[in-house]
Amino acid sequence: GVYVKVGSHGTFSPCLASAASPQSRFR
């Protein structure tokens, strides 16, 4: 397994925001 950190000057997409939301953490 590998942790890959990616950076951008633009905000996160709704897809990434939903994947890291508290609801996703609960699931």
mmCIF file of all heavy atoms, coordinates in Angstrom:
data_MODEL
# 
_entry.id   MODEL 
# 
loop_
_atom_site.group_PDB 
_atom_site.id 
_atom_site.type_symbol 
_atom_site.label_atom_id 
_atom_site.label_alt_id 
_atom_site.label_comp_id 
_atom_site.label_asym_id 
_atom_site.label_entity_id 
_atom_site.label_seq_id 
_atom_site.pdbx_PDB_ins_code 
_atom_site.Cartn_x 
_atom_site.Cartn_y 
_atom_site.Cartn_z 
_atom_site.occupancy 
_atom_site.B_iso_or_equiv 
_atom_site.pdbx_formal_charge 
_atom_site.auth_seq_id 
_atom_site.auth_comp_id 
_atom_site.auth_asym_id 
_atom_site.auth_atom_id 
_atom_site.pdbx_PDB_model_num 
ATOM 1   N N   . GLY A 1 1  ? 0.815   -1.201 0.000  1.00 0.00 ? 1  GLY A N   1 
ATOM 2   C CA  . GLY A 1 1  ? 0.000   0.000  0.000  1.00 0.00 ? 1  GLY A CA  1 
ATOM 3   C C   . GLY A 1 1  ? 0.854   1.260  0.000  1.00 0.00 ? 1  GLY A C   1 
ATOM 4   O O   . GLY A 1 1  ? 1.939   1.292  0.587  1.00 0.00 ? 1  GLY A O   1 
ATOM 5   N N   . VAL A 1 2  ? 0.348   2.300  -0.641 1.00 0.00 ? 2  VAL A N   1 
ATOM 6   C CA  . VAL A 1 2  ? 1.101   3.541  -0.793 1.00 0.00 ? 2  VAL A CA  1 
ATOM 7   C C   . VAL A 1 2  ? 0.168   4.722  -0.548 1.00 0.00 ? 2  VAL A C   1 
ATOM 8   O O   . VAL A 1 2  ? -0.953  4.758  -1.075 1.00 0.00 ? 2  VAL A O   1 
ATOM 9   C CB  . VAL A 1 2  ? 1.737   3.660  -2.198 1.00 0.00 ? 2  VAL A CB  1 
ATOM 10  C CG1 . VAL A 1 2  ? 2.611   4.906  -2.287 1.00 0.00 ? 2  VAL A CG1 1 
ATOM 11  C CG2 . VAL A 1 2  ? 2.542   2.422  -2.528 1.00 0.00 ? 2  VAL A CG2 1 
ATOM 12  N N   . TYR A 1 3  ? 0.631   5.688  0.252  1.00 0.00 ? 3  TYR A N   1 
ATOM 13  C CA  . TYR A 1 3  ? -0.069  6.954  0.430  1.00 0.00 ? 3  TYR A CA  1 
ATOM 14  C C   . TYR A 1 3  ? 0.492   7.964  -0.566 1.00 0.00 ? 3  TYR A C   1 
ATOM 15  O O   . TYR A 1 3  ? 1.696   8.220  -0.581 1.00 0.00 ? 3  TYR A O   1 
ATOM 16  C CB  . TYR A 1 3  ? 0.100   7.491  1.849  1.00 0.00 ? 3  TYR A CB  1 
ATOM 17  C CG  . TYR A 1 3  ? -0.744  6.793  2.884  1.00 0.00 ? 3  TYR A CG  1 
ATOM 18  C CD1 . TYR A 1 3  ? -0.229  5.725  3.626  1.00 0.00 ? 3  TYR A CD1 1 
ATOM 19  C CD2 . TYR A 1 3  ? -2.046  7.201  3.139  1.00 0.00 ? 3  TYR A CD2 1 
ATOM 20  C CE1 . TYR A 1 3  ? -0.998  5.080  4.581  1.00 0.00 ? 3  TYR A CE1 1 
ATOM 21  C CE2 . TYR A 1 3  ? -2.821  6.555  4.096  1.00 0.00 ? 3  TYR A CE2 1 
ATOM 22  C CZ  . TYR A 1 3  ? -2.291  5.506  4.807  1.00 0.00 ? 3  TYR A CZ  1 
ATOM 23  O OH  . TYR A 1 3  ? -3.057  4.877  5.754  1.00 0.00 ? 3  TYR A OH  1 
ATOM 24  N N   . VAL A 1 4  ? -0.378  8.519  -1.387 1.00 0.00 ? 4  VAL A N   1 
ATOM 25  C CA  . VAL A 1 4  ? 0.016   9.503  -2.392 1.00 0.00 ? 4  VAL A CA  1 
ATOM 26  C C   . VAL A 1 4  ? -0.713  10.802 -2.091 1.00 0.00 ? 4  VAL A C   1 
ATOM 27  O O   . VAL A 1 4  ? -1.948  10.838 -2.067 1.00 0.00 ? 4  VAL A O   1 
ATOM 28  C CB  . VAL A 1 4  ? -0.307  9.011  -3.819 1.00 0.00 ? 4  VAL A CB  1 
ATOM 29  C CG1 . VAL A 1 4  ? 0.180   10.040 -4.842 1.00 0.00 ? 4  VAL A CG1 1 
ATOM 30  C CG2 . VAL A 1 4  ? 0.328   7.657  -4.087 1.00 0.00 ? 4  VAL A CG2 1 
ATOM 31  N N   . LYS A 1 5  ? 0.054   11.853 -1.870 1.00 0.00 ? 5  LYS A N   1 
ATOM 32  C CA  . LYS A 1 5  ? -0.525  13.170 -1.592 1.00 0.00 ? 5  LYS A CA  1 
ATOM 33  C C   . LYS A 1 5  ? -0.448  14.017 -2.851 1.00 0.00 ? 5  LYS A C   1 
ATOM 34  O O   . LYS A 1 5  ? 0.620   14.192 -3.435 1.00 0.00 ? 5  LYS A O   1 
ATOM 35  C CB  . LYS A 1 5  ? 0.199   13.865 -0.441 1.00 0.00 ? 5  LYS A CB  1 
ATOM 36  C CG  . LYS A 1 5  ? -0.384  15.224 -0.064 1.00 0.00 ? 5  LYS A CG  1 
ATOM 37  C CD  . LYS A 1 5  ? 0.370   15.866 1.083  1.00 0.00 ? 5  LYS A CD  1 
ATOM 38  C CE  . LYS A 1 5  ? 0.113   15.105 2.365  1.00 0.00 ? 5  LYS A CE  1 
ATOM 39  N NZ  . LYS A 1 5  ? 0.725   15.824 3.537  1.00 0.00 ? 5  LYS A NZ  1 
ATOM 40  N N   . VAL A 1 6  ? -1.598  14.535 -3.259 1.00 0.00 ? 6  VAL A N   1 
ATOM 41  C CA  . VAL A 1 6  ? -1.724  15.338 -4.480 1.00 0.00 ? 6  VAL A CA  1 
ATOM 42  C C   . VAL A 1 6  ? -2.213  16.721 -4.073 1.00 0.00 ? 6  VAL A C   1 
ATOM 43  O O   . VAL A 1 6  ? -3.069  16.862 -3.185 1.00 0.00 ? 6  VAL A O   1 
ATOM 44  C CB  . VAL A 1 6  ? -2.692  14.674 -5.478 1.00 0.00 ? 6  VAL A CB  1 
ATOM 45  C CG1 . VAL A 1 6  ? -2.818  15.504 -6.743 1.00 0.00 ? 6  VAL A CG1 1 
ATOM 46  C CG2 . VAL A 1 6  ? -2.211  13.267 -5.817 1.00 0.00 ? 6  VAL A CG2 1 
ATOM 47  N N   . GLY A 1 7  ? -1.650  17.746 -4.701 1.00 0.00 ? 7  GLY A N   1 
ATOM 48  C CA  . GLY A 1 7  ? -2.024  19.114 -4.385 1.00 0.00 ? 7  GLY A CA  1 
ATOM 49  C C   . GLY A 1 7  ? -2.547  19.862 -5.590 1.00 0.00 ? 7  GLY A C   1 
ATOM 50  O O   . GLY A 1 7  ? -2.247  19.543 -6.745 1.00 0.00 ? 7  GLY A O   1 
ATOM 51  N N   . SER A 1 8  ? -3.352  20.887 -5.321 1.00 0.00 ? 8  SER A N   1 
ATOM 52  C CA  . SER A 1 8  ? -3.927  21.731 -6.366 1.00 0.00 ? 8  SER A CA  1 
ATOM 53  C C   . SER A 1 8  ? -4.204  23.106 -5.773 1.00 0.00 ? 8  SER A C   1 
ATOM 54  O O   . SER A 1 8  ? -4.352  23.271 -4.554 1.00 0.00 ? 8  SER A O   1 
ATOM 55  C CB  . SER A 1 8  ? -5.218  21.121 -6.914 1.00 0.00 ? 8  SER A CB  1 
ATOM 56  O OG  . SER A 1 8  ? -5.856  22.023 -7.802 1.00 0.00 ? 8  SER A OG  1 
ATOM 57  N N   . HIS A 1 9  ? -4.260  24.107 -6.644 1.00 0.00 ? 9  HIS A N   1 
ATOM 58  C CA  . HIS A 1 9  ? -4.610  25.463 -6.227 1.00 0.00 ? 9  HIS A CA  1 
ATOM 59  C C   . HIS A 1 9  ? -6.120  25.706 -6.308 1.00 0.00 ? 9  HIS A C   1 
ATOM 60  O O   . HIS A 1 9  ? -6.572  26.802 -5.967 1.00 0.00 ? 9  HIS A O   1 
ATOM 61  C CB  . HIS A 1 9  ? -3.872  26.497 -7.086 1.00 0.00 ? 9  HIS A CB  1 
ATOM 62  C CG  . HIS A 1 9  ? -2.400  26.553 -6.799 1.00 0.00 ? 9  HIS A CG  1 
ATOM 63  N ND1 . HIS A 1 9  ? -1.864  27.314 -5.793 1.00 0.00 ? 9  HIS A ND1 1 
ATOM 64  C CD2 . HIS A 1 9  ? -1.353  25.918 -7.389 1.00 0.00 ? 9  HIS A CD2 1 
ATOM 65  C CE1 . HIS A 1 9  ? -0.554  27.164 -5.768 1.00 0.00 ? 9  HIS A CE1 1 
ATOM 66  N NE2 . HIS A 1 9  ? -0.211  26.320 -6.734 1.00 0.00 ? 9  HIS A NE2 1 
ATOM 67  N N   . GLY A 1 10 ? -6.851  24.709 -6.767 1.00 0.00 ? 10 GLY A N   1 
ATOM 68  C CA  . GLY A 1 10 ? -8.299  24.815 -6.834 1.00 0.00 ? 10 GLY A CA  1 
ATOM 69  C C   . GLY A 1 10 ? -8.962  24.000 -5.743 1.00 0.00 ? 10 GLY A C   1 
ATOM 70  O O   . GLY A 1 10 ? -8.379  23.050 -5.201 1.00 0.00 ? 10 GLY A O   1 
ATOM 71  N N   . THR A 1 11 ? -10.191 24.341 -5.403 1.00 0.00 ? 11 THR A N   1 
ATOM 72  C CA  . THR A 1 11 ? -10.901 23.682 -4.317 1.00 0.00 ? 11 THR A CA  1 
ATOM 73  C C   . THR A 1 11 ? -11.248 22.249 -4.682 1.00 0.00 ? 11 THR A C   1 
ATOM 74  O O   . THR A 1 11 ? -11.143 21.827 -5.842 1.00 0.00 ? 11 THR A O   1 
ATOM 75  C CB  . THR A 1 11 ? -12.186 24.458 -3.979 1.00 0.00 ? 11 THR A CB  1 
ATOM 76  O OG1 . THR A 1 11 ? -12.827 23.827 -2.865 1.00 0.00 ? 11 THR A OG1 1 
ATOM 77  C CG2 . THR A 1 11 ? -13.130 24.453 -5.165 1.00 0.00 ? 11 THR A CG2 1 
ATOM 78  N N   . PHE A 1 12 ? -11.664 21.494 -3.675 1.00 0.00 ? 12 PHE A N   1 
ATOM 79  C CA  . PHE A 1 12 ? -12.012 20.096 -3.888 1.00 0.00 ? 12 PHE A CA  1 
ATOM 80  C C   . PHE A 1 12 ? -13.336 19.988 -4.645 1.00 0.00 ? 12 PHE A C   1 
ATOM 81  O O   . PHE A 1 12 ? -14.228 20.826 -4.511 1.00 0.00 ? 12 PHE A O   1 
ATOM 82  C CB  . PHE A 1 12 ? -12.138 19.365 -2.549 1.00 0.00 ? 12 PHE A CB  1 
ATOM 83  C CG  . PHE A 1 12 ? -10.889 19.438 -1.708 1.00 0.00 ? 12 PHE A CG  1 
ATOM 84  C CD1 . PHE A 1 12 ? -10.877 20.168 -0.529 1.00 0.00 ? 12 PHE A CD1 1 
ATOM 85  C CD2 . PHE A 1 12 ? -9.735  18.788 -2.096 1.00 0.00 ? 12 PHE A CD2 1 
ATOM 86  C CE1 . PHE A 1 12 ? -9.738  20.243 0.247  1.00 0.00 ? 12 PHE A CE1 1 
ATOM 87  C CE2 . PHE A 1 12 ? -8.591  18.851 -1.326 1.00 0.00 ? 12 PHE A CE2 1 
ATOM 88  C CZ  . PHE A 1 12 ? -8.592  19.591 -0.152 1.00 0.00 ? 12 PHE A CZ  1 
ATOM 89  N N   . SER A 1 13 ? -13.454 18.912 -5.409 1.00 0.00 ? 13 SER A N   1 
ATOM 90  C CA  . SER A 1 13 ? -14.678 18.670 -6.159 1.00 0.00 ? 13 SER A CA  1 
ATOM 91  C C   . SER A 1 13 ? -15.767 18.145 -5.223 1.00 0.00 ? 13 SER A C   1 
ATOM 92  O O   . SER A 1 13 ? -15.477 17.647 -4.129 1.00 0.00 ? 13 SER A O   1 
ATOM 93  C CB  . SER A 1 13 ? -14.413 17.652 -7.275 1.00 0.00 ? 13 SER A CB  1 
ATOM 94  O OG  . SER A 1 13 ? -14.062 16.394 -6.718 1.00 0.00 ? 13 SER A OG  1 
ATOM 95  N N   . PRO A 1 14 ? -17.032 18.255 -5.608 1.00 0.00 ? 14 PRO A N   1 
ATOM 96  C CA  . PRO A 1 14 ? -18.094 17.682 -4.773 1.00 0.00 ? 14 PRO A CA  1 
ATOM 97  C C   . PRO A 1 14 ? -17.924 16.186 -4.544 1.00 0.00 ? 14 PRO A C   1 
ATOM 98  O O   . PRO A 1 14 ? -18.339 15.674 -3.489 1.00 0.00 ? 14 PRO A O   1 
ATOM 99  C CB  . PRO A 1 14 ? -19.365 17.996 -5.564 1.00 0.00 ? 14 PRO A CB  1 
ATOM 100 C CG  . PRO A 1 14 ? -19.012 19.186 -6.403 1.00 0.00 ? 14 PRO A CG  1 
ATOM 101 C CD  . PRO A 1 14 ? -17.568 19.008 -6.756 1.00 0.00 ? 14 PRO A CD  1 
ATOM 102 N N   . CYS A 1 15 ? -17.317 15.490 -5.481 1.00 0.00 ? 15 CYS A N   1 
ATOM 103 C CA  . CYS A 1 15 ? -17.104 14.052 -5.308 1.00 0.00 ? 15 CYS A CA  1 
ATOM 104 C C   . CYS A 1 15 ? -16.162 13.776 -4.146 1.00 0.00 ? 15 CYS A C   1 
ATOM 105 O O   . CYS A 1 15 ? -16.439 12.938 -3.291 1.00 0.00 ? 15 CYS A O   1 
ATOM 106 C CB  . CYS A 1 15 ? -16.555 13.465 -6.603 1.00 0.00 ? 15 CYS A CB  1 
ATOM 107 S SG  . CYS A 1 15 ? -16.136 11.700 -6.506 1.00 0.00 ? 15 CYS A SG  1 
ATOM 108 N N   . LEU A 1 16 ? -15.032 14.493 -4.100 1.00 0.00 ? 16 LEU A N   1 
ATOM 109 C CA  . LEU A 1 16 ? -14.087 14.286 -3.013 1.00 0.00 ? 16 LEU A CA  1 
ATOM 110 C C   . LEU A 1 16 ? -14.657 14.766 -1.688 1.00 0.00 ? 16 LEU A C   1 
ATOM 111 O O   . LEU A 1 16 ? -14.427 14.143 -0.643 1.00 0.00 ? 16 LEU A O   1 
ATOM 112 C CB  . LEU A 1 16 ? -12.774 15.017 -3.320 1.00 0.00 ? 16 LEU A CB  1 
ATOM 113 C CG  . LEU A 1 16 ? -11.965 14.490 -4.504 1.00 0.00 ? 16 LEU A CG  1 
ATOM 114 C CD1 . LEU A 1 16 ? -10.708 15.327 -4.696 1.00 0.00 ? 16 LEU A CD1 1 
ATOM 115 C CD2 . LEU A 1 16 ? -11.601 13.033 -4.308 1.00 0.00 ? 16 LEU A CD2 1 
ATOM 116 N N   . ALA A 1 17 ? -15.396 15.877 -1.726 1.00 0.00 ? 17 ALA A N   1 
ATOM 117 C CA  . ALA A 1 17 ? -15.980 16.386 -0.483 1.00 0.00 ? 17 ALA A CA  1 
ATOM 118 C C   . ALA A 1 17 ? -16.980 15.398 0.105  1.00 0.00 ? 17 ALA A C   1 
ATOM 119 O O   . ALA A 1 17 ? -17.040 15.204 1.328  1.00 0.00 ? 17 ALA A O   1 
ATOM 120 C CB  . ALA A 1 17 ? -16.643 17.736 -0.737 1.00 0.00 ? 17 ALA A CB  1 
ATOM 121 N N   . SER A 1 18 ? -17.767 14.751 -0.756 1.00 0.00 ? 18 SER A N   1 
ATOM 122 C CA  . SER A 1 18 ? -18.735 13.774 -0.246 1.00 0.00 ? 18 SER A CA  1 
ATOM 123 C C   . SER A 1 18 ? -18.039 12.519 0.259  1.00 0.00 ? 18 SER A C   1 
ATOM 124 O O   . SER A 1 18 ? -18.474 11.897 1.229  1.00 0.00 ? 18 SER A O   1 
ATOM 125 C CB  . SER A 1 18 ? -19.731 13.418 -1.344 1.00 0.00 ? 18 SER A CB  1 
ATOM 126 O OG  . SER A 1 18 ? -19.068 12.804 -2.447 1.00 0.00 ? 18 SER A OG  1 
ATOM 127 N N   . ALA A 1 19 ? -16.928 12.136 -0.379 1.00 0.00 ? 19 ALA A N   1 
ATOM 128 C CA  . ALA A 1 19 ? -16.206 10.934 0.060  1.00 0.00 ? 19 ALA A CA  1 
ATOM 129 C C   . ALA A 1 19 ? -15.531 11.135 1.408  1.00 0.00 ? 19 ALA A C   1 
ATOM 130 O O   . ALA A 1 19 ? -15.316 10.166 2.141  1.00 0.00 ? 19 ALA A O   1 
ATOM 131 C CB  . ALA A 1 19 ? -15.174 10.535 -0.987 1.00 0.00 ? 19 ALA A CB  1 
ATOM 132 N N   . ALA A 1 20 ? -15.192 12.383 1.743  1.00 0.00 ? 20 ALA A N   1 
ATOM 133 C CA  . ALA A 1 20 ? -14.551 12.666 3.030  1.00 0.00 ? 20 ALA A CA  1 
ATOM 134 C C   . ALA A 1 20 ? -15.503 13.301 4.030  1.00 0.00 ? 20 ALA A C   1 
ATOM 135 O O   . ALA A 1 20 ? -15.069 13.813 5.054  1.00 0.00 ? 20 ALA A O   1 
ATOM 136 C CB  . ALA A 1 20 ? -13.357 13.594 2.809  1.00 0.00 ? 20 ALA A CB  1 
ATOM 137 N N   . SER A 1 21 ? -16.800 13.270 3.764  1.00 0.00 ? 21 SER A N   1 
ATOM 138 C CA  . SER A 1 21 ? -17.787 13.883 4.653  1.00 0.00 ? 21 SER A CA  1 
ATOM 139 C C   . SER A 1 21 ? -17.992 13.037 5.909  1.00 0.00 ? 21 SER A C   1 
ATOM 140 O O   . SER A 1 21 ? -17.641 11.853 5.947  1.00 0.00 ? 21 SER A O   1 
ATOM 141 C CB  . SER A 1 21 ? -19.109 14.045 3.915  1.00 0.00 ? 21 SER A CB  1 
ATOM 142 O OG  . SER A 1 21 ? -19.622 12.775 3.538  1.00 0.00 ? 21 SER A OG  1 
ATOM 143 N N   . PRO A 1 22 ? -18.576 13.613 6.966  1.00 0.00 ? 22 PRO A N   1 
ATOM 144 C CA  . PRO A 1 22 ? -18.860 12.817 8.174  1.00 0.00 ? 22 PRO A CA  1 
ATOM 145 C C   . PRO A 1 22 ? -19.793 11.642 7.905  1.00 0.00 ? 22 PRO A C   1 
ATOM 146 O O   . PRO A 1 22 ? -19.677 10.599 8.563  1.00 0.00 ? 22 PRO A O   1 
ATOM 147 C CB  . PRO A 1 22 ? -19.499 13.845 9.119  1.00 0.00 ? 22 PRO A CB  1 
ATOM 148 C CG  . PRO A 1 22 ? -18.977 15.172 8.660  1.00 0.00 ? 22 PRO A CG  1 
ATOM 149 C CD  . PRO A 1 22 ? -18.846 15.053 7.179  1.00 0.00 ? 22 PRO A CD  1 
ATOM 150 N N   . GLN A 1 23 ? -20.720 11.793 6.956  1.00 0.00 ? 23 GLN A N   1 
ATOM 151 C CA  . GLN A 1 23 ? -21.598 10.674 6.628  1.00 0.00 ? 23 GLN A CA  1 
ATOM 152 C C   . GLN A 1 23 ? -20.798 9.496  6.063  1.00 0.00 ? 23 GLN A C   1 
ATOM 153 O O   . GLN A 1 23 ? -21.054 8.328  6.396  1.00 0.00 ? 23 GLN A O   1 
ATOM 154 C CB  . GLN A 1 23 ? -22.676 11.111 5.633  1.00 0.00 ? 23 GLN A CB  1 
ATOM 155 C CG  . GLN A 1 23 ? -23.668 12.122 6.176  1.00 0.00 ? 23 GLN A CG  1 
ATOM 156 C CD  . GLN A 1 23 ? -23.119 13.535 6.168  1.00 0.00 ? 23 GLN A CD  1 
ATOM 157 O OE1 . GLN A 1 23 ? -22.015 13.770 5.661  1.00 0.00 ? 23 GLN A OE1 1 
ATOM 158 N NE2 . GLN A 1 23 ? -23.881 14.471 6.718  1.00 0.00 ? 23 GLN A NE2 1 
ATOM 159 N N   . SER A 1 24 ? -19.801 9.809  5.225  1.00 0.00 ? 24 SER A N   1 
ATOM 160 C CA  . SER A 1 24 ? -18.968 8.736  4.685  1.00 0.00 ? 24 SER A CA  1 
ATOM 161 C C   . SER A 1 24 ? -18.116 8.095  5.772  1.00 0.00 ? 24 SER A C   1 
ATOM 162 O O   . SER A 1 24 ? -17.918 6.869  5.784  1.00 0.00 ? 24 SER A O   1 
ATOM 163 C CB  . SER A 1 24 ? -18.079 9.287  3.565  1.00 0.00 ? 24 SER A CB  1 
ATOM 164 O OG  . SER A 1 24 ? -18.857 9.688  2.454  1.00 0.00 ? 24 SER A OG  1 
ATOM 165 N N   . ARG A 1 25 ? -17.609 8.914  6.701  1.00 0.00 ? 25 ARG A N   1 
ATOM 166 C CA  . ARG A 1 25 ? -16.828 8.360  7.805  1.00 0.00 ? 25 ARG A CA  1 
ATOM 167 C C   . ARG A 1 25 ? -17.683 7.419  8.659  1.00 0.00 ? 25 ARG A C   1 
ATOM 168 O O   . ARG A 1 25 ? -17.207 6.382  9.137  1.00 0.00 ? 25 ARG A O   1 
ATOM 169 C CB  . ARG A 1 25 ? -16.270 9.491  8.668  1.00 0.00 ? 25 ARG A CB  1 
ATOM 170 C CG  . ARG A 1 25 ? -15.382 10.482 7.934  1.00 0.00 ? 25 ARG A CG  1 
ATOM 171 C CD  . ARG A 1 25 ? -14.152 9.818  7.378  1.00 0.00 ? 25 ARG A CD  1 
ATOM 172 N NE  . ARG A 1 25 ? -13.264 10.779 6.751  1.00 0.00 ? 25 ARG A NE  1 
ATOM 173 C CZ  . ARG A 1 25 ? -12.205 10.468 6.010  1.00 0.00 ? 25 ARG A CZ  1 
ATOM 174 N NH1 . ARG A 1 25 ? -11.932 9.183  5.798  1.00 0.00 ? 25 ARG A NH1 1 
ATOM 175 N NH2 . ARG A 1 25 ? -11.445 11.399 5.472  1.00 0.00 ? 25 ARG A NH2 1 
ATOM 176 N N   . PHE A 1 26 ? -18.932 7.786  8.840  1.00 0.00 ? 26 PHE A N   1 
ATOM 177 C CA  . PHE A 1 26 ? -19.826 6.930  9.618  1.00 0.00 ? 26 PHE A CA  1 
ATOM 178 C C   . PHE A 1 26 ? -20.086 5.615  8.900  1.00 0.00 ? 26 PHE A C   1 
ATOM 179 O O   . PHE A 1 26 ? -20.103 4.544  9.523  1.00 0.00 ? 26 PHE A O   1 
ATOM 180 C CB  . PHE A 1 26 ? -21.137 7.670  9.889  1.00 0.00 ? 26 PHE A CB  1 
ATOM 181 C CG  . PHE A 1 26 ? -22.142 6.856  10.656 1.00 0.00 ? 26 PHE A CG  1 
ATOM 182 C CD1 . PHE A 1 26 ? -21.960 6.588  12.007 1.00 0.00 ? 26 PHE A CD1 1 
ATOM 183 C CD2 . PHE A 1 26 ? -23.258 6.344  10.015 1.00 0.00 ? 26 PHE A CD2 1 
ATOM 184 C CE1 . PHE A 1 26 ? -22.884 5.828  12.717 1.00 0.00 ? 26 PHE A CE1 1 
ATOM 185 C CE2 . PHE A 1 26 ? -24.187 5.580  10.718 1.00 0.00 ? 26 PHE A CE2 1 
ATOM 186 C CZ  . PHE A 1 26 ? -23.999 5.317  12.064 1.00 0.00 ? 26 PHE A CZ  1 
ATOM 187 N N   . ARG A 1 27 ? -20.280 5.672  7.588  1.00 0.00 ? 27 ARG A N   1 
ATOM 188 C CA  . ARG A 1 27 ? -20.490 4.444  6.826  1.00 0.00 ? 27 ARG A CA  1 
ATOM 189 C C   . ARG A 1 27 ? -19.241 3.561  6.868  1.00 0.00 ? 27 ARG A C   1 
ATOM 190 O O   . ARG A 1 27 ? -19.338 2.330  6.946  1.00 0.00 ? 27 ARG A O   1 
ATOM 191 C CB  . ARG A 1 27 ? -20.848 4.784  5.380  1.00 0.00 ? 27 ARG A CB  1 
ATOM 192 C CG  . ARG A 1 27 ? -22.225 5.424  5.224  1.00 0.00 ? 27 ARG A CG  1 
ATOM 193 C CD  . ARG A 1 27 ? -22.428 5.890  3.776  1.00 0.00 ? 27 ARG A CD  1 
ATOM 194 N NE  . ARG A 1 27 ? -22.333 4.793  2.843  1.00 0.00 ? 27 ARG A NE  1 
ATOM 195 C CZ  . ARG A 1 27 ? -23.361 4.057  2.436  1.00 0.00 ? 27 ARG A CZ  1 
ATOM 196 N NH1 . ARG A 1 27 ? -24.582 4.307  2.905  1.00 0.00 ? 27 ARG A NH1 1 
ATOM 197 N NH2 . ARG A 1 27 ? -23.202 3.070  1.587  1.00 0.00 ? 27 ARG A NH2 1 
# 
